[in-house]
Amino acid sequence: MSTIEEKAQLLIAYMETVIDRAGRWQNDVNKHRMGHLSRNEMDAFIQLGRKGELTMGELADKLLLSVSGATVIADKLEEKALVVRRRSLDDRRVVRVGLTGEGAKSYDEFHQMVLTFATAILQSLDENEQNLLLALHRKISDSFPVVERKKD
């Protein structure tokens, strides 16, 4: 039986392979379907697609960036007509950012491709393996520590 350190090294190698392949797939989708967004722009786009309209502070928290860093990303996505910013009617200091109609359409197309990708992975496994994979991913996700964003 291997030691926990040897198993950890093996796990790292497997995770690096999965992350590399998923990253290459995402880059290919991004390049050919999304007008080539940077990694941070893509992360912001995905967060806004999943969560809906967010304040700049909430977006910064999701991206683990400062508010000024998230603002730069929102500027770039706005230039690409994927997001729109709105000032809060209650507090003009609060800026909310959300997907435009075109941005929402692009996100829906992207999400469908991700769903196809995940389905292909699951179809390579039998039902017991699928359930085990999902249970393990949930357990791993639950064990990750919370990381705070950078402050301005």
C-alpha atoms as a PDB file:
ATOM      1  CA  MET A   1       0.000   0.000   0.000  1.00  0.00           C
ATOM      2  CA  SER A   2       1.240   3.494  -0.834  1.00  0.00           C
ATOM      3  CA  THR A   3       1.810   6.170   1.762  1.00  0.00           C
ATOM      4  CA  ILE A   4      -0.558   9.130   1.954  1.00  0.00           C
ATOM      5  CA  GLU A   5       2.188  11.339   0.460  1.00  0.00           C
ATOM      6  CA  GLU A   6       2.594   8.988  -2.527  1.00  0.00           C
ATOM      7  CA  LYS A   7      -1.173   8.968  -3.000  1.00  0.00           C
ATOM      8  CA  ALA A   8      -1.196  12.764  -2.772  1.00  0.00           C
ATOM      9  CA  GLN A   9       1.449  12.961  -5.528  1.00  0.00           C
ATOM     10  CA  LEU A  10      -0.640  10.645  -7.711  1.00  0.00           C
ATOM     11  CA  LEU A  11      -3.766  12.696  -7.007  1.00  0.00           C
ATOM     12  CA  ILE A  12      -1.924  15.888  -7.972  1.00  0.00           C
ATOM     13  CA  ALA A  13      -0.827  14.305 -11.250  1.00  0.00           C
ATOM     14  CA  TYR A  14      -4.385  13.207 -12.075  1.00  0.00           C
ATOM     15  CA  MET A  15      -5.800  16.591 -11.105  1.00  0.00           C
ATOM     16  CA  GLU A  16      -3.225  18.399 -13.242  1.00  0.00           C
ATOM     17  CA  THR A  17      -4.189  16.232 -16.220  1.00  0.00           C
ATOM     18  CA  VAL A  18      -7.895  16.905 -15.724  1.00  0.00           C
ATOM     19  CA  ILE A  19      -7.340  20.636 -15.212  1.00  0.00           C
ATOM     20  CA  ASP A  20      -5.067  20.822 -18.265  1.00  0.00           C
ATOM     21  CA  ARG A  21      -7.525  18.974 -20.523  1.00  0.00           C
ATOM     22  CA  ALA A  22     -10.527  20.925 -19.242  1.00  0.00           C
ATOM     23  CA  GLY A  23      -8.581  24.167 -19.629  1.00  0.00           C
ATOM     24  CA  ARG A  24      -7.614  23.314 -23.199  1.00  0.00           C
ATOM     25  CA  TRP A  25     -11.245  22.465 -23.969  1.00  0.00           C
ATOM     26  CA  GLN A  26     -12.445  25.717 -22.372  1.00  0.00           C
ATOM     27  CA  ASN A  27      -9.814  27.731 -24.269  1.00  0.00           C
ATOM     28  CA  ASP A  28     -10.913  26.125 -27.530  1.00  0.00           C
ATOM     29  CA  VAL A  29     -14.566  26.915 -26.822  1.00  0.00           C
ATOM     30  CA  ASN A  30     -13.622  30.421 -25.745  1.00  0.00           C
ATOM     31  CA  LYS A  31     -11.497  31.089 -28.820  1.00  0.00           C
ATOM     32  CA  HIS A  32     -14.049  29.827 -31.327  1.00  0.00           C
ATOM     33  CA  ARG A  33     -17.329  30.755 -29.640  1.00  0.00           C
ATOM     34  CA  MET A  34     -16.758  33.601 -27.216  1.00  0.00           C
ATOM     35  CA  GLY A  35     -14.539  36.047 -29.114  1.00  0.00           C
ATOM     36  CA  HIS A  36     -11.481  35.045 -27.100  1.00  0.00           C
ATOM     37  CA  LEU A  37     -11.940  36.212 -23.519  1.00  0.00           C
ATOM     38  CA  SER A  38      -9.064  36.263 -21.063  1.00  0.00           C
ATOM     39  CA  ARG A  39      -9.143  33.728 -18.202  1.00  0.00           C
ATOM     40  CA  ASN A  40     -10.426  36.402 -15.785  1.00  0.00           C
ATOM     41  CA  GLU A  41     -12.996  37.662 -18.282  1.00  0.00           C
ATOM     42  CA  MET A  42     -14.220  34.108 -18.815  1.00  0.00           C
ATOM     43  CA  ASP A  43     -14.439  33.524 -15.050  1.00  0.00           C
ATOM     44  CA  ALA A  44     -16.475  36.735 -14.621  1.00  0.00           C
ATOM     45  CA  PHE A  45     -18.705  35.829 -17.567  1.00  0.00           C
ATOM     46  CA  ILE A  46     -19.383  32.386 -16.060  1.00  0.00           C
ATOM     47  CA  GLN A  47     -20.104  33.833 -12.605  1.00  0.00           C
ATOM     48  CA  LEU A  48     -22.572  36.345 -14.047  1.00  0.00           C
ATOM     49  CA  GLY A  49     -24.207  33.613 -16.131  1.00  0.00           C
ATOM     50  CA  ARG A  50     -24.604  31.362 -13.085  1.00  0.00           C
ATOM     51  CA  LYS A  51     -25.486  33.939 -10.439  1.00  0.00           C
ATOM     52  CA  GLY A  52     -27.188  36.681 -12.444  1.00  0.00           C
ATOM     53  CA  GLU A  53     -26.617  40.358 -11.767  1.00  0.00           C
ATOM     54  CA  LEU A  54     -24.042  41.068  -9.031  1.00  0.00           C
ATOM     55  CA  THR A  55     -22.609  44.139  -7.365  1.00  0.00           C
ATOM     56  CA  MET A  56     -18.988  44.863  -8.208  1.00  0.00           C
ATOM     57  CA  GLY A  57     -18.048  43.782  -4.665  1.00  0.00           C
ATOM     58  CA  GLU A  58     -19.895  40.467  -5.068  1.00  0.00           C
ATOM     59  CA  LEU A  59     -18.224  39.866  -8.432  1.00  0.00           C
ATOM     60  CA  ALA A  60     -14.826  40.680  -6.904  1.00  0.00           C
ATOM     61  CA  ASP A  61     -15.529  38.149  -4.122  1.00  0.00           C
ATOM     62  CA  LYS A  62     -16.433  35.451  -6.659  1.00  0.00           C
ATOM     63  CA  LEU A  63     -13.267  36.140  -8.674  1.00  0.00           C
ATOM     64  CA  LEU A  64     -11.018  36.485  -5.606  1.00  0.00           C
ATOM     65  CA  LEU A  65      -9.943  39.910  -6.841  1.00  0.00           C
ATOM     66  CA  SER A  66     -10.047  43.451  -5.540  1.00  0.00           C
ATOM     67  CA  VAL A  67     -13.017  45.582  -6.581  1.00  0.00           C
ATOM     68  CA  SER A  68     -10.696  47.621  -8.813  1.00  0.00           C
ATOM     69  CA  GLY A  69      -9.523  44.389 -10.485  1.00  0.00           C
ATOM     70  CA  ALA A  70     -13.112  43.269 -11.064  1.00  0.00           C
ATOM     71  CA  THR A  71     -13.900  46.713 -12.469  1.00  0.00           C
ATOM     72  CA  VAL A  72     -11.164  46.350 -15.094  1.00  0.00           C
ATOM     73  CA  ILE A  73     -12.627  42.987 -16.126  1.00  0.00           C
ATOM     74  CA  ALA A  74     -16.161  44.443 -16.252  1.00  0.00           C
ATOM     75  CA  ASP A  75     -14.833  47.275 -18.463  1.00  0.00           C
ATOM     76  CA  LYS A  76     -13.453  44.751 -20.942  1.00  0.00           C
ATOM     77  CA  LEU A  77     -16.634  42.662 -20.956  1.00  0.00           C
ATOM     78  CA  GLU A  78     -18.689  45.825 -21.425  1.00  0.00           C
ATOM     79  CA  GLU A  79     -16.526  46.778 -24.437  1.00  0.00           C
ATOM     80  CA  LYS A  80     -17.367  43.347 -25.884  1.00  0.00           C
ATOM     81  CA  ALA A  81     -21.105  44.000 -25.295  1.00  0.00           C
ATOM     82  CA  LEU A  82     -21.416  40.981 -22.982  1.00  0.00           C
ATOM     83  CA  VAL A  83     -22.256  42.902 -19.790  1.00  0.00           C
ATOM     84  CA  VAL A  84     -23.982  46.077 -18.738  1.00  0.00           C
ATOM     85  CA  ARG A  85     -23.534  48.090 -15.554  1.00  0.00           C
ATOM     86  CA  ARG A  86     -26.337  49.773 -13.657  1.00  0.00           C
ATOM     87  CA  ARG A  87     -26.238  52.101 -10.673  1.00  0.00           C
ATOM     88  CA  SER A  88     -28.498  51.114  -7.793  1.00  0.00           C
ATOM     89  CA  LEU A  89     -31.559  53.319  -7.456  1.00  0.00           C
ATOM     90  CA  ASP A  90     -31.283  53.043  -3.665  1.00  0.00           C
ATOM     91  CA  ASP A  91     -27.592  53.848  -3.378  1.00  0.00           C
ATOM     92  CA  ARG A  92     -25.820  55.447  -6.348  1.00  0.00           C
ATOM     93  CA  ARG A  93     -22.446  54.262  -4.992  1.00  0.00           C
ATOM     94  CA  VAL A  94     -23.485  50.655  -5.667  1.00  0.00           C
ATOM     95  CA  VAL A  95     -22.835  49.439  -9.208  1.00  0.00           C
ATOM     96  CA  ARG A  96     -24.435  46.227 -10.401  1.00  0.00           C
ATOM     97  CA  VAL A  97     -23.171  44.284 -13.393  1.00  0.00           C
ATOM     98  CA  GLY A  98     -25.089  41.698 -15.403  1.00  0.00           C
ATOM     99  CA  LEU A  99     -25.148  40.022 -18.777  1.00  0.00           C
ATOM    100  CA  THR A 100     -26.648  41.805 -21.757  1.00  0.00           C
ATOM    101  CA  GLY A 101     -29.192  39.972 -23.927  1.00  0.00           C
ATOM    102  CA  GLU A 102     -26.349  38.905 -26.212  1.00  0.00           C
ATOM    103  CA  GLY A 103     -24.241  37.968 -23.193  1.00  0.00           C
ATOM    104  CA  ALA A 104     -27.059  35.793 -21.810  1.00  0.00           C
ATOM    105  CA  LYS A 105     -27.457  34.103 -25.192  1.00  0.00           C
ATOM    106  CA  SER A 106     -23.707  33.429 -25.339  1.00  0.00           C
ATOM    107  CA  TYR A 107     -23.762  32.084 -21.787  1.00  0.00           C
ATOM    108  CA  ASP A 108     -26.646  29.726 -22.611  1.00  0.00           C
ATOM    109  CA  GLU A 109     -24.668  28.382 -25.591  1.00  0.00           C
ATOM    110  CA  PHE A 110     -21.561  28.017 -23.432  1.00  0.00           C
ATOM    111  CA  HIS A 111     -23.519  26.267 -20.655  1.00  0.00           C
ATOM    112  CA  GLN A 112     -24.954  23.796 -23.168  1.00  0.00           C
ATOM    113  CA  MET A 113     -21.429  22.946 -24.345  1.00  0.00           C
ATOM    114  CA  VAL A 114     -20.306  22.436 -20.730  1.00  0.00           C
ATOM    115  CA  LEU A 115     -23.313  20.196 -20.125  1.00  0.00           C
ATOM    116  CA  THR A 116     -22.403  18.147 -23.219  1.00  0.00           C
ATOM    117  CA  PHE A 117     -18.818  17.863 -21.923  1.00  0.00           C
ATOM    118  CA  ALA A 118     -19.954  16.709 -18.456  1.00  0.00           C
ATOM    119  CA  THR A 119     -22.433  14.262 -19.972  1.00  0.00           C
ATOM    120  CA  ALA A 120     -19.665  12.693 -22.084  1.00  0.00           C
ATOM    121  CA  ILE A 121     -17.561  12.200 -18.954  1.00  0.00           C
ATOM    122  CA  LEU A 122     -20.439  10.585 -17.057  1.00  0.00           C
ATOM    123  CA  GLN A 123     -21.353   8.356 -19.996  1.00  0.00           C
ATOM    124  CA  SER A 124     -17.879   6.800 -19.840  1.00  0.00           C
ATOM    125  CA  LEU A 125     -18.788   5.434 -16.373  1.00  0.00           C
ATOM    126  CA  ASP A 126     -21.384   2.936 -15.196  1.00  0.00           C
ATOM    127  CA  GLU A 127     -24.126   4.160 -12.836  1.00  0.00           C
ATOM    128  CA  ASN A 128     -22.272   3.142  -9.654  1.00  0.00           C
ATOM    129  CA  GLU A 129     -19.125   4.924 -10.827  1.00  0.00           C
ATOM    130  CA  GLN A 130     -21.180   8.011 -11.726  1.00  0.00           C
ATOM    131  CA  ASN A 131     -22.695   8.118  -8.240  1.00  0.00           C
ATOM    132  CA  LEU A 132     -19.285   7.580  -6.631  1.00  0.00           C
ATOM    133  CA  LEU A 133     -17.713  10.318  -8.753  1.00  0.00           C
ATOM    134  CA  LEU A 134     -20.448  12.773  -7.777  1.00  0.00           C
ATOM    135  CA  ALA A 135     -20.255  11.847  -4.097  1.00  0.00           C
ATOM    136  CA  LEU A 136     -16.472  12.244  -4.070  1.00  0.00           C
ATOM    137  CA  HIS A 137     -16.607  15.592  -5.852  1.00  0.00           C
ATOM    138  CA  ARG A 138     -19.203  16.846  -3.364  1.00  0.00           C
ATOM    139  CA  LYS A 139     -17.030  15.697  -0.453  1.00  0.00           C
ATOM    140  CA  ILE A 140     -13.918  17.298  -1.954  1.00  0.00           C
ATOM    141  CA  SER A 141     -15.789  20.544  -2.688  1.00  0.00           C
ATOM    142  CA  ASP A 142     -17.079  20.670   0.873  1.00  0.00           C
ATOM    143  CA  SER A 143     -13.556  20.220   2.262  1.00  0.00           C
ATOM    144  CA  PHE A 144     -12.012  23.223   0.472  1.00  0.00           C
ATOM    145  CA  PRO A 145     -11.227  26.167   2.749  1.00  0.00           C
ATOM    146  CA  VAL A 146     -12.861  29.520   2.004  1.00  0.00           C
ATOM    147  CA  VAL A 147     -10.430  32.027   0.471  1.00  0.00           C
ATOM    148  CA  GLU A 148     -11.065  35.728   0.951  1.00  0.00           C
ATOM    149  CA  ARG A 149     -10.629  38.177  -1.910  1.00  0.00           C
ATOM    150  CA  LYS A 150      -7.883  40.750  -2.132  1.00  0.00           C
ATOM    151  CA  LYS A 151      -8.756  44.099  -0.592  1.00  0.00           C
ATOM    152  CA  ASP A 152      -8.247  47.381  -2.484  1.00  0.00           C
END
